[in-house]
Amino acid sequence: MNLPALLLAATLPAAAFADSYTLDKDHTQPSFEFSHMGISVWRGKFTQTSGKLEMDRKAHTGEVQVLVNTNSIDFGHKGMNTFAVTEDWLNVEWHPTMSYQGKLRFGGDVPVAVEGNLTLLGVSKPLTLRIKSFKCIPHPIFKREVCGADAEGEFHRADFGMKQYSEGEAGRIKLKIQVEALKD
């Protein structure tokens, strides 16, 4: 387990019957999209993440934490990658990570949302992620349970201090997190 994941694990409260999972960094890549001048949509992703999931399916409770290396931003466009890490946007020199921490909300026997906080540029704001799909299966290679989910939410970049290009639709960021986590 790497240091950021270990730090995240240390902050999760112990639950008597909760199962612990570690986010699979190769299958967890938060992505985002926003309007570019109202004529097209820019899309990008973060390629370096870590985190934990604690879940008690019988009690219908759980918590999730995701830590993102902001310097791992990838638009598939060198110029945008370079601009996104500057002081005007992600300011990775002063804020090398962003994080999301929240509690699972169940609908029946499966999680349907995560109600938590997004911390970006040192600012924490509430953000609910709707879980569009959630499933657990025995992993065919690792022979342990693996759970996967697809979640999404929306926030306004100005709420986190990113004022440049935050007018109108361009200021609205759609965040999507596809995640897979292996049972510890």
N, C-alpha and C. Protein backbone atom coordinates (compact mmCIF):
# COMPACT_ATOMS: atom_id res chain seq x y z
N MET A 1 0.86 -1.17 0.00
CA MET A 1 0.00 0.00 0.00
C MET A 1 0.91 1.23 0.00
N ASN A 2 0.63 2.21 -0.86
CA ASN A 2 1.46 3.40 -0.91
C ASN A 2 1.10 4.34 0.23
N LEU A 3 1.94 5.35 0.49
CA LEU A 3 1.76 6.25 1.62
C LEU A 3 0.42 6.98 1.60
N PRO A 4 -0.03 7.59 0.46
CA PRO A 4 -1.34 8.25 0.49
C PRO A 4 -2.48 7.29 0.85
N ALA A 5 -2.44 6.07 0.34
CA ALA A 5 -3.49 5.11 0.66
C ALA A 5 -3.43 4.73 2.13
N LEU A 6 -2.22 4.60 2.68
CA LEU A 6 -2.07 4.28 4.09
C LEU A 6 -2.62 5.41 4.96
N LEU A 7 -2.32 6.65 4.59
CA LEU A 7 -2.85 7.80 5.33
C LEU A 7 -4.36 7.84 5.27
N LEU A 8 -4.92 7.56 4.11
CA LEU A 8 -6.38 7.54 3.98
C LEU A 8 -6.98 6.44 4.84
N ALA A 9 -6.36 5.28 4.85
CA ALA A 9 -6.88 4.16 5.63
C ALA A 9 -6.86 4.50 7.12
N ALA A 10 -5.86 5.23 7.56
CA ALA A 10 -5.75 5.58 8.98
C ALA A 10 -6.84 6.53 9.42
N THR A 11 -7.44 7.28 8.50
CA THR A 11 -8.47 8.25 8.87
C THR A 11 -9.87 7.67 8.86
N LEU A 12 -10.04 6.47 8.33
CA LEU A 12 -11.37 5.85 8.29
C LEU A 12 -11.69 5.25 9.66
N PRO A 13 -12.89 5.48 10.18
CA PRO A 13 -13.24 4.90 11.47
C PRO A 13 -13.39 3.38 11.35
N ALA A 14 -13.04 2.70 12.41
CA ALA A 14 -13.18 1.25 12.42
C ALA A 14 -14.65 0.89 12.58
N ALA A 15 -15.10 -0.05 11.81
CA ALA A 15 -16.47 -0.53 11.91
C ALA A 15 -16.41 -2.02 12.20
N ALA A 16 -17.20 -2.46 13.14
CA ALA A 16 -17.11 -3.84 13.61
C ALA A 16 -17.36 -4.86 12.50
N PHE A 17 -18.31 -4.59 11.61
CA PHE A 17 -18.65 -5.58 10.61
C PHE A 17 -18.43 -5.09 9.18
N ALA A 18 -17.73 -4.00 9.03
CA ALA A 18 -17.48 -3.46 7.70
C ALA A 18 -16.35 -4.22 7.04
N ASP A 19 -16.49 -4.39 5.74
CA ASP A 19 -15.42 -4.96 4.94
C ASP A 19 -14.58 -3.81 4.41
N SER A 20 -13.27 -4.03 4.32
CA SER A 20 -12.35 -3.01 3.81
C SER A 20 -11.91 -3.37 2.40
N TYR A 21 -11.83 -2.36 1.58
CA TYR A 21 -11.41 -2.51 0.19
C TYR A 21 -10.39 -1.44 -0.13
N THR A 22 -9.46 -1.76 -1.01
CA THR A 22 -8.48 -0.79 -1.49
C THR A 22 -8.79 -0.49 -2.94
N LEU A 23 -8.85 0.78 -3.28
CA LEU A 23 -9.13 1.17 -4.66
C LEU A 23 -8.02 0.69 -5.57
N ASP A 24 -8.39 0.12 -6.69
CA ASP A 24 -7.45 -0.35 -7.69
C ASP A 24 -7.03 0.85 -8.54
N LYS A 25 -5.78 1.27 -8.39
CA LYS A 25 -5.31 2.48 -9.08
C LYS A 25 -5.34 2.35 -10.60
N ASP A 26 -5.32 1.14 -11.10
CA ASP A 26 -5.37 0.94 -12.55
C ASP A 26 -6.79 0.97 -13.10
N HIS A 27 -7.77 0.88 -12.22
CA HIS A 27 -9.17 0.88 -12.66
C HIS A 27 -9.99 1.97 -11.98
N THR A 28 -9.31 2.97 -11.44
CA THR A 28 -9.98 4.11 -10.81
C THR A 28 -9.36 5.38 -11.39
N GLN A 29 -10.06 6.01 -12.30
CA GLN A 29 -9.55 7.22 -12.93
C GLN A 29 -10.67 8.25 -13.04
N PRO A 30 -10.74 9.15 -12.04
CA PRO A 30 -11.77 10.19 -12.12
C PRO A 30 -11.64 10.99 -13.41
N SER A 31 -12.76 11.26 -14.03
CA SER A 31 -12.75 12.05 -15.26
C SER A 31 -13.70 13.22 -15.09
N PHE A 32 -13.61 14.17 -15.99
CA PHE A 32 -14.41 15.38 -15.89
C PHE A 32 -14.67 15.93 -17.28
N GLU A 33 -15.66 16.78 -17.36
CA GLU A 33 -15.94 17.46 -18.62
C GLU A 33 -16.54 18.83 -18.34
N PHE A 34 -16.30 19.75 -19.26
CA PHE A 34 -16.84 21.10 -19.15
C PHE A 34 -16.92 21.72 -20.53
N SER A 35 -17.77 22.71 -20.64
CA SER A 35 -17.98 23.38 -21.92
C SER A 35 -16.78 24.23 -22.29
N HIS A 36 -16.41 24.21 -23.57
CA HIS A 36 -15.37 25.08 -24.10
C HIS A 36 -16.03 26.12 -24.99
N MET A 37 -16.23 27.30 -24.43
CA MET A 37 -16.83 28.44 -25.14
C MET A 37 -18.25 28.15 -25.62
N GLY A 38 -18.89 27.14 -25.08
CA GLY A 38 -20.24 26.80 -25.49
C GLY A 38 -20.34 26.10 -26.83
N ILE A 39 -19.19 25.75 -27.41
CA ILE A 39 -19.24 25.13 -28.75
C ILE A 39 -18.78 23.68 -28.77
N SER A 40 -18.06 23.26 -27.73
CA SER A 40 -17.64 21.86 -27.65
C SER A 40 -17.45 21.51 -26.18
N VAL A 41 -17.12 20.27 -25.91
CA VAL A 41 -16.93 19.81 -24.54
C VAL A 41 -15.50 19.29 -24.40
N TRP A 42 -14.77 19.85 -23.43
CA TRP A 42 -13.44 19.33 -23.10
C TRP A 42 -13.60 18.21 -22.11
N ARG A 43 -12.83 17.14 -22.30
CA ARG A 43 -12.85 16.01 -21.38
C ARG A 43 -11.42 15.68 -20.97
N GLY A 44 -11.28 15.28 -19.73
CA GLY A 44 -9.97 14.88 -19.23
C GLY A 44 -10.13 13.88 -18.11
N LYS A 45 -9.00 13.38 -17.63
CA LYS A 45 -9.03 12.42 -16.53
C LYS A 45 -7.77 12.59 -15.69
N PHE A 46 -7.83 12.04 -14.50
CA PHE A 46 -6.67 11.98 -13.62
C PHE A 46 -6.23 10.52 -13.60
N THR A 47 -4.93 10.28 -13.82
CA THR A 47 -4.44 8.92 -13.99
C THR A 47 -3.76 8.34 -12.75
N GLN A 48 -3.64 9.13 -11.67
CA GLN A 48 -3.00 8.62 -10.45
C GLN A 48 -3.93 8.86 -9.26
N THR A 49 -4.47 7.76 -8.73
CA THR A 49 -5.40 7.84 -7.61
C THR A 49 -5.07 6.75 -6.58
N SER A 50 -5.60 6.94 -5.40
CA SER A 50 -5.54 5.91 -4.36
C SER A 50 -6.76 6.12 -3.48
N GLY A 51 -7.04 5.15 -2.62
CA GLY A 51 -8.17 5.33 -1.73
C GLY A 51 -8.64 4.05 -1.08
N LYS A 52 -9.68 4.21 -0.27
CA LYS A 52 -10.24 3.12 0.50
C LYS A 52 -11.75 3.16 0.46
N LEU A 53 -12.34 1.99 0.66
CA LEU A 53 -13.77 1.83 0.81
C LEU A 53 -14.00 0.95 2.02
N GLU A 54 -14.87 1.37 2.92
CA GLU A 54 -15.32 0.57 4.06
C GLU A 54 -16.82 0.40 3.86
N MET A 55 -17.30 -0.85 3.89
CA MET A 55 -18.71 -1.06 3.60
C MET A 55 -19.26 -2.22 4.43
N ASP A 56 -20.41 -1.96 5.05
CA ASP A 56 -21.15 -2.99 5.77
C ASP A 56 -22.50 -3.11 5.07
N ARG A 57 -22.62 -4.11 4.19
CA ARG A 57 -23.84 -4.25 3.39
C ARG A 57 -25.05 -4.64 4.23
N LYS A 58 -24.85 -5.35 5.31
CA LYS A 58 -25.97 -5.72 6.17
C LYS A 58 -26.54 -4.51 6.91
N ALA A 59 -25.66 -3.63 7.37
CA ALA A 59 -26.11 -2.43 8.10
C ALA A 59 -26.42 -1.28 7.14
N HIS A 60 -26.12 -1.47 5.85
CA HIS A 60 -26.33 -0.43 4.84
C HIS A 60 -25.58 0.84 5.19
N THR A 61 -24.28 0.68 5.52
CA THR A 61 -23.42 1.82 5.83
C THR A 61 -22.09 1.66 5.10
N GLY A 62 -21.39 2.75 4.99
CA GLY A 62 -20.06 2.69 4.39
C GLY A 62 -19.48 4.07 4.18
N GLU A 63 -18.19 4.08 3.95
CA GLU A 63 -17.48 5.31 3.67
C GLU A 63 -16.49 5.06 2.53
N VAL A 64 -16.22 6.12 1.81
CA VAL A 64 -15.26 6.03 0.71
C VAL A 64 -14.35 7.25 0.74
N GLN A 65 -13.10 7.03 0.37
CA GLN A 65 -12.15 8.13 0.24
C GLN A 65 -11.34 7.91 -1.03
N VAL A 66 -11.18 8.99 -1.78
CA VAL A 66 -10.39 8.95 -3.00
C VAL A 66 -9.40 10.11 -2.94
N LEU A 67 -8.13 9.81 -3.17
CA LEU A 67 -7.08 10.82 -3.21
C LEU A 67 -6.54 10.87 -4.64
N VAL A 68 -6.46 12.06 -5.20
CA VAL A 68 -6.07 12.23 -6.60
C VAL A 68 -4.82 13.09 -6.69
N ASN A 69 -3.83 12.62 -7.44
CA ASN A 69 -2.65 13.42 -7.75
C ASN A 69 -3.05 14.39 -8.87
N THR A 70 -3.16 15.69 -8.57
CA THR A 70 -3.64 16.65 -9.56
C THR A 70 -2.68 16.84 -10.72
N ASN A 71 -1.41 16.52 -10.53
CA ASN A 71 -0.44 16.65 -11.62
C ASN A 71 -0.62 15.54 -12.66
N SER A 72 -1.49 14.56 -12.37
CA SER A 72 -1.69 13.45 -13.31
C SER A 72 -2.82 13.75 -14.30
N ILE A 73 -3.21 15.01 -14.41
CA ILE A 73 -4.29 15.39 -15.32
C ILE A 73 -3.90 15.09 -16.76
N ASP A 74 -4.85 14.58 -17.52
CA ASP A 74 -4.57 14.23 -18.91
C ASP A 74 -5.80 14.54 -19.77
N PHE A 75 -5.65 15.56 -20.62
CA PHE A 75 -6.69 15.92 -21.58
C PHE A 75 -6.49 15.22 -22.91
N GLY A 76 -5.33 14.57 -23.08
CA GLY A 76 -4.98 14.06 -24.40
C GLY A 76 -4.54 15.21 -25.30
N HIS A 77 -4.16 16.33 -24.68
CA HIS A 77 -3.75 17.54 -25.40
C HIS A 77 -2.67 18.23 -24.57
N LYS A 78 -1.44 18.24 -25.08
CA LYS A 78 -0.29 18.73 -24.32
C LYS A 78 -0.49 20.17 -23.81
N GLY A 79 -1.01 21.05 -24.64
CA GLY A 79 -1.21 22.43 -24.23
C GLY A 79 -2.18 22.57 -23.07
N MET A 80 -3.28 21.83 -23.13
CA MET A 80 -4.26 21.87 -22.04
C MET A 80 -3.68 21.25 -20.77
N ASN A 81 -2.93 20.16 -20.90
CA ASN A 81 -2.29 19.55 -19.73
C ASN A 81 -1.38 20.55 -19.04
N THR A 82 -0.58 21.27 -19.82
CA THR A 82 0.34 22.26 -19.27
C THR A 82 -0.40 23.40 -18.59
N PHE A 83 -1.45 23.91 -19.22
CA PHE A 83 -2.22 25.02 -18.65
C PHE A 83 -2.97 24.60 -17.38
N ALA A 84 -3.51 23.40 -17.36
CA ALA A 84 -4.35 22.95 -16.24
C ALA A 84 -3.61 22.87 -14.92
N VAL A 85 -2.31 22.67 -14.94
CA VAL A 85 -1.55 22.54 -13.69
C VAL A 85 -1.06 23.88 -13.15
N THR A 86 -1.30 24.96 -13.89
CA THR A 86 -0.80 26.28 -13.49
C THR A 86 -1.60 26.87 -12.32
N GLU A 87 -1.13 27.98 -11.83
CA GLU A 87 -1.76 28.69 -10.71
C GLU A 87 -3.20 29.08 -11.01
N ASP A 88 -3.53 29.34 -12.28
CA ASP A 88 -4.88 29.76 -12.64
C ASP A 88 -5.92 28.64 -12.52
N TRP A 89 -5.46 27.39 -12.56
CA TRP A 89 -6.42 26.29 -12.47
C TRP A 89 -6.12 25.40 -11.27
N LEU A 90 -5.40 24.31 -11.46
CA LEU A 90 -5.20 23.35 -10.37
C LEU A 90 -4.07 23.71 -9.41
N ASN A 91 -3.19 24.60 -9.82
CA ASN A 91 -2.11 25.08 -8.96
C ASN A 91 -1.42 23.92 -8.23
N VAL A 92 -0.90 22.97 -9.01
CA VAL A 92 -0.35 21.74 -8.44
C VAL A 92 0.88 21.99 -7.58
N GLU A 93 1.55 23.11 -7.77
CA GLU A 93 2.72 23.40 -6.93
C GLU A 93 2.29 23.54 -5.47
N TRP A 94 1.17 24.18 -5.23
CA TRP A 94 0.68 24.41 -3.87
C TRP A 94 -0.38 23.39 -3.45
N HIS A 95 -1.03 22.77 -4.40
CA HIS A 95 -2.10 21.81 -4.11
C HIS A 95 -1.90 20.55 -4.95
N PRO A 96 -0.95 19.69 -4.56
CA PRO A 96 -0.63 18.51 -5.37
C PRO A 96 -1.70 17.42 -5.36
N THR A 97 -2.68 17.55 -4.47
CA THR A 97 -3.73 16.54 -4.42
C THR A 97 -5.10 17.19 -4.29
N MET A 98 -6.10 16.45 -4.69
CA MET A 98 -7.47 16.77 -4.35
C MET A 98 -8.05 15.48 -3.79
N SER A 99 -9.12 15.62 -3.00
CA SER A 99 -9.67 14.42 -2.38
C SER A 99 -11.18 14.49 -2.33
N TYR A 100 -11.76 13.32 -2.19
CA TYR A 100 -13.20 13.20 -1.99
C TYR A 100 -13.41 12.21 -0.86
N GLN A 101 -14.23 12.57 0.11
CA GLN A 101 -14.54 11.70 1.23
C GLN A 101 -16.03 11.78 1.49
N GLY A 102 -16.67 10.62 1.63
CA GLY A 102 -18.10 10.65 1.87
C GLY A 102 -18.64 9.35 2.42
N LYS A 103 -19.92 9.40 2.78
CA LYS A 103 -20.64 8.26 3.33
C LYS A 103 -21.58 7.71 2.27
N LEU A 104 -21.64 6.39 2.20
CA LEU A 104 -22.54 5.74 1.26
C LEU A 104 -23.99 5.90 1.72
N ARG A 105 -24.88 6.13 0.76
CA ARG A 105 -26.32 6.11 1.03
C ARG A 105 -26.88 4.94 0.24
N PHE A 106 -27.55 4.06 0.92
CA PHE A 106 -28.09 2.85 0.30
C PHE A 106 -29.54 3.06 -0.13
N GLY A 107 -29.93 2.37 -1.18
CA GLY A 107 -31.31 2.23 -1.62
C GLY A 107 -31.56 0.74 -1.70
N GLY A 108 -32.20 0.19 -0.71
CA GLY A 108 -32.31 -1.26 -0.64
C GLY A 108 -30.98 -1.83 -0.21
N ASP A 109 -30.48 -2.82 -0.94
CA ASP A 109 -29.24 -3.49 -0.56
C ASP A 109 -27.99 -2.96 -1.27
N VAL A 110 -28.12 -1.93 -2.08
CA VAL A 110 -26.95 -1.41 -2.81
C VAL A 110 -26.79 0.09 -2.59
N PRO A 111 -25.55 0.56 -2.62
CA PRO A 111 -25.33 2.01 -2.52
C PRO A 111 -25.87 2.71 -3.77
N VAL A 112 -26.54 3.85 -3.55
CA VAL A 112 -27.08 4.63 -4.66
C VAL A 112 -26.46 6.03 -4.74
N ALA A 113 -25.73 6.43 -3.69
CA ALA A 113 -25.10 7.75 -3.69
C ALA A 113 -24.00 7.78 -2.64
N VAL A 114 -23.11 8.74 -2.81
CA VAL A 114 -22.11 9.05 -1.80
C VAL A 114 -22.31 10.52 -1.45
N GLU A 115 -22.56 10.79 -0.19
CA GLU A 115 -22.75 12.17 0.27
C GLU A 115 -21.50 12.58 1.02
N GLY A 116 -20.76 13.53 0.44
CA GLY A 116 -19.48 13.87 1.05
C GLY A 116 -18.98 15.24 0.68
N ASN A 117 -17.67 15.38 0.73
CA ASN A 117 -17.01 16.65 0.45
C ASN A 117 -15.88 16.45 -0.54
N LEU A 118 -15.80 17.38 -1.49
CA LEU A 118 -14.68 17.45 -2.42
C LEU A 118 -13.75 18.53 -1.91
N THR A 119 -12.46 18.20 -1.80
CA THR A 119 -11.45 19.19 -1.42
C THR A 119 -10.56 19.43 -2.62
N LEU A 120 -10.57 20.66 -3.08
CA LEU A 120 -9.83 21.07 -4.27
C LEU A 120 -9.25 22.44 -4.01
N LEU A 121 -7.99 22.65 -4.29
CA LEU A 121 -7.30 23.92 -4.06
C LEU A 121 -7.42 24.36 -2.60
N GLY A 122 -7.44 23.39 -1.68
CA GLY A 122 -7.52 23.69 -0.26
C GLY A 122 -8.90 24.08 0.24
N VAL A 123 -9.91 24.00 -0.62
CA VAL A 123 -11.29 24.35 -0.27
C VAL A 123 -12.12 23.07 -0.27
N SER A 124 -12.90 22.87 0.80
CA SER A 124 -13.79 21.71 0.89
C SER A 124 -15.23 22.17 0.75
N LYS A 125 -15.96 21.51 -0.14
CA LYS A 125 -17.37 21.83 -0.38
C LYS A 125 -18.16 20.53 -0.47
N PRO A 126 -19.42 20.54 -0.04
CA PRO A 126 -20.26 19.35 -0.17
C PRO A 126 -20.46 18.97 -1.64
N LEU A 127 -20.44 17.69 -1.89
CA LEU A 127 -20.70 17.19 -3.24
C LEU A 127 -21.30 15.78 -3.11
N THR A 128 -22.47 15.61 -3.66
CA THR A 128 -23.10 14.29 -3.69
C THR A 128 -22.82 13.65 -5.04
N LEU A 129 -22.34 12.42 -4.99
CA LEU A 129 -22.11 11.64 -6.21
C LEU A 129 -23.23 10.61 -6.31
N ARG A 130 -23.94 10.62 -7.43
CA ARG A 130 -24.97 9.61 -7.69
C ARG A 130 -24.28 8.35 -8.23
N ILE A 131 -24.61 7.23 -7.67
CA ILE A 131 -24.03 5.96 -8.13
C ILE A 131 -24.96 5.38 -9.19
N LYS A 132 -24.48 5.36 -10.43
CA LYS A 132 -25.29 4.87 -11.54
C LYS A 132 -25.28 3.35 -11.63
N SER A 133 -24.17 2.73 -11.20
CA SER A 133 -24.12 1.27 -11.18
C SER A 133 -23.18 0.84 -10.05
N PHE A 134 -23.47 -0.31 -9.48
CA PHE A 134 -22.65 -0.87 -8.39
C PHE A 134 -22.79 -2.38 -8.44
N LYS A 135 -21.64 -3.07 -8.38
CA LYS A 135 -21.68 -4.53 -8.45
C LYS A 135 -20.42 -5.10 -7.81
N CYS A 136 -20.56 -6.20 -7.12
CA CYS A 136 -19.43 -6.93 -6.55
C CYS A 136 -19.44 -8.35 -7.10
N ILE A 137 -18.24 -8.86 -7.40
CA ILE A 137 -18.08 -10.23 -7.91
C ILE A 137 -16.79 -10.82 -7.34
N PRO A 138 -16.65 -12.15 -7.40
CA PRO A 138 -15.35 -12.74 -7.07
C PRO A 138 -14.38 -12.41 -8.21
N HIS A 139 -13.23 -11.84 -7.88
CA HIS A 139 -12.26 -11.49 -8.92
C HIS A 139 -11.67 -12.78 -9.49
N PRO A 140 -11.70 -12.95 -10.82
CA PRO A 140 -11.24 -14.21 -11.41
C PRO A 140 -9.75 -14.48 -11.26
N ILE A 141 -8.95 -13.45 -11.07
CA ILE A 141 -7.50 -13.64 -10.95
C ILE A 141 -7.07 -13.61 -9.48
N PHE A 142 -7.52 -12.61 -8.73
CA PHE A 142 -7.07 -12.43 -7.35
C PHE A 142 -7.82 -13.29 -6.34
N LYS A 143 -8.93 -13.91 -6.76
CA LYS A 143 -9.72 -14.81 -5.90
C LYS A 143 -10.20 -14.12 -4.62
N ARG A 144 -10.49 -12.82 -4.75
CA ARG A 144 -11.09 -12.04 -3.67
C ARG A 144 -12.22 -11.23 -4.27
N GLU A 145 -13.09 -10.76 -3.43
CA GLU A 145 -14.19 -9.94 -3.93
C GLU A 145 -13.66 -8.61 -4.47
N VAL A 146 -14.23 -8.21 -5.59
CA VAL A 146 -13.95 -6.90 -6.16
C VAL A 146 -15.29 -6.22 -6.40
N CYS A 147 -15.35 -4.93 -6.05
CA CYS A 147 -16.58 -4.15 -6.26
C CYS A 147 -16.27 -3.02 -7.23
N GLY A 148 -17.22 -2.75 -8.09
CA GLY A 148 -17.06 -1.66 -9.04
C GLY A 148 -18.27 -0.76 -9.02
N ALA A 149 -18.03 0.50 -9.32
CA ALA A 149 -19.12 1.47 -9.34
C ALA A 149 -18.82 2.55 -10.36
N ASP A 150 -19.88 3.20 -10.77
CA ASP A 150 -19.78 4.34 -11.67
C ASP A 150 -20.60 5.46 -11.02
N ALA A 151 -19.92 6.54 -10.61
CA ALA A 151 -20.59 7.62 -9.89
C ALA A 151 -20.34 8.95 -10.59
N GLU A 152 -21.27 9.89 -10.40
CA GLU A 152 -21.08 11.20 -11.01
C GLU A 152 -21.74 12.29 -10.20
N GLY A 153 -21.20 13.48 -10.34
CA GLY A 153 -21.73 14.67 -9.68
C GLY A 153 -21.32 15.90 -10.46
N GLU A 154 -21.69 17.06 -9.95
CA GLU A 154 -21.40 18.31 -10.66
C GLU A 154 -21.08 19.40 -9.65
N PHE A 155 -20.13 20.25 -9.99
CA PHE A 155 -19.78 21.39 -9.15
C PHE A 155 -19.39 22.57 -10.02
N HIS A 156 -19.29 23.75 -9.42
CA HIS A 156 -18.89 24.95 -10.14
C HIS A 156 -17.46 25.29 -9.75
N ARG A 157 -16.61 25.47 -10.72
CA ARG A 157 -15.19 25.70 -10.45
C ARG A 157 -14.94 26.95 -9.62
N ALA A 158 -15.76 27.99 -9.75
CA ALA A 158 -15.56 29.22 -8.98
C ALA A 158 -15.72 28.97 -7.48
N ASP A 159 -16.51 27.96 -7.10
CA ASP A 159 -16.69 27.64 -5.68
C ASP A 159 -15.38 27.20 -5.03
N PHE A 160 -14.42 26.79 -5.83
CA PHE A 160 -13.12 26.35 -5.32
C PHE A 160 -12.01 27.36 -5.62
N GLY A 161 -12.40 28.55 -6.06
CA GLY A 161 -11.42 29.60 -6.29
C GLY A 161 -10.88 29.68 -7.70
N MET A 162 -11.36 28.84 -8.61
CA MET A 162 -10.91 28.90 -10.01
C MET A 162 -11.81 29.89 -10.75
N LYS A 163 -11.38 31.13 -10.81
CA LYS A 163 -12.21 32.19 -11.38
C LYS A 163 -12.08 32.28 -12.91
N GLN A 164 -10.90 31.98 -13.42
CA GLN A 164 -10.67 32.12 -14.86
C GLN A 164 -11.54 31.15 -15.65
N TYR A 165 -12.23 31.68 -16.64
CA TYR A 165 -13.11 30.90 -17.52
C TYR A 165 -14.24 30.22 -16.75
N SER A 166 -14.73 30.85 -15.69
CA SER A 166 -15.77 30.20 -14.89
C SER A 166 -17.17 30.73 -15.17
N GLU A 167 -17.31 31.58 -16.18
CA GLU A 167 -18.61 32.14 -16.50
C GLU A 167 -19.48 31.10 -17.22
N GLY A 168 -20.76 31.14 -16.94
CA GLY A 168 -21.72 30.31 -17.66
C GLY A 168 -21.43 28.83 -17.57
N GLU A 169 -21.71 28.13 -18.67
CA GLU A 169 -21.54 26.68 -18.73
C GLU A 169 -20.09 26.25 -18.52
N ALA A 170 -19.13 27.10 -18.91
CA ALA A 170 -17.72 26.73 -18.77
C ALA A 170 -17.33 26.53 -17.31
N GLY A 171 -18.04 27.16 -16.40
CA GLY A 171 -17.72 27.04 -14.98
C GLY A 171 -18.25 25.79 -14.33
N ARG A 172 -19.14 25.10 -15.01
CA ARG A 172 -19.76 23.89 -14.46
C ARG A 172 -18.92 22.68 -14.85
N ILE A 173 -18.48 21.93 -13.85
CA ILE A 173 -17.65 20.75 -14.09
C ILE A 173 -18.47 19.50 -13.75
N LYS A 174 -18.55 18.59 -14.69
CA LYS A 174 -19.17 17.29 -14.44
C LYS A 174 -18.05 16.32 -14.07
N LEU A 175 -18.14 15.78 -12.88
CA LEU A 175 -17.15 14.84 -12.37
C LEU A 175 -17.72 13.43 -12.44
N LYS A 176 -16.93 12.52 -12.98
CA LYS A 176 -17.34 11.12 -13.07
C LYS A 176 -16.20 10.27 -12.49
N ILE A 177 -16.58 9.34 -11.65
CA ILE A 177 -15.56 8.46 -11.07
C ILE A 177 -15.98 7.02 -11.30
N GLN A 178 -15.23 6.33 -12.14
CA GLN A 178 -15.41 4.89 -12.26
C GLN A 178 -14.37 4.31 -11.33
N VAL A 179 -14.79 3.32 -10.54
CA VAL A 179 -13.91 2.81 -9.51
C VAL A 179 -14.04 1.30 -9.39
N GLU A 180 -12.93 0.66 -9.12
CA GLU A 180 -12.92 -0.76 -8.74
C GLU A 180 -12.08 -0.87 -7.48
N ALA A 181 -12.55 -1.69 -6.56
CA ALA A 181 -11.85 -1.84 -5.28
C ALA A 181 -11.82 -3.31 -4.89
N LEU A 182 -10.62 -3.78 -4.53
CA LEU A 182 -10.40 -5.17 -4.10
C LEU A 182 -10.53 -5.29 -2.59
N LYS A 183 -11.22 -6.32 -2.15
CA LYS A 183 -11.35 -6.56 -0.71
C LYS A 183 -9.99 -6.87 -0.12
N ASP A 184 -9.69 -6.22 1.01
CA ASP A 184 -8.38 -6.43 1.67
C ASP A 184 -8.28 -7.82 2.27
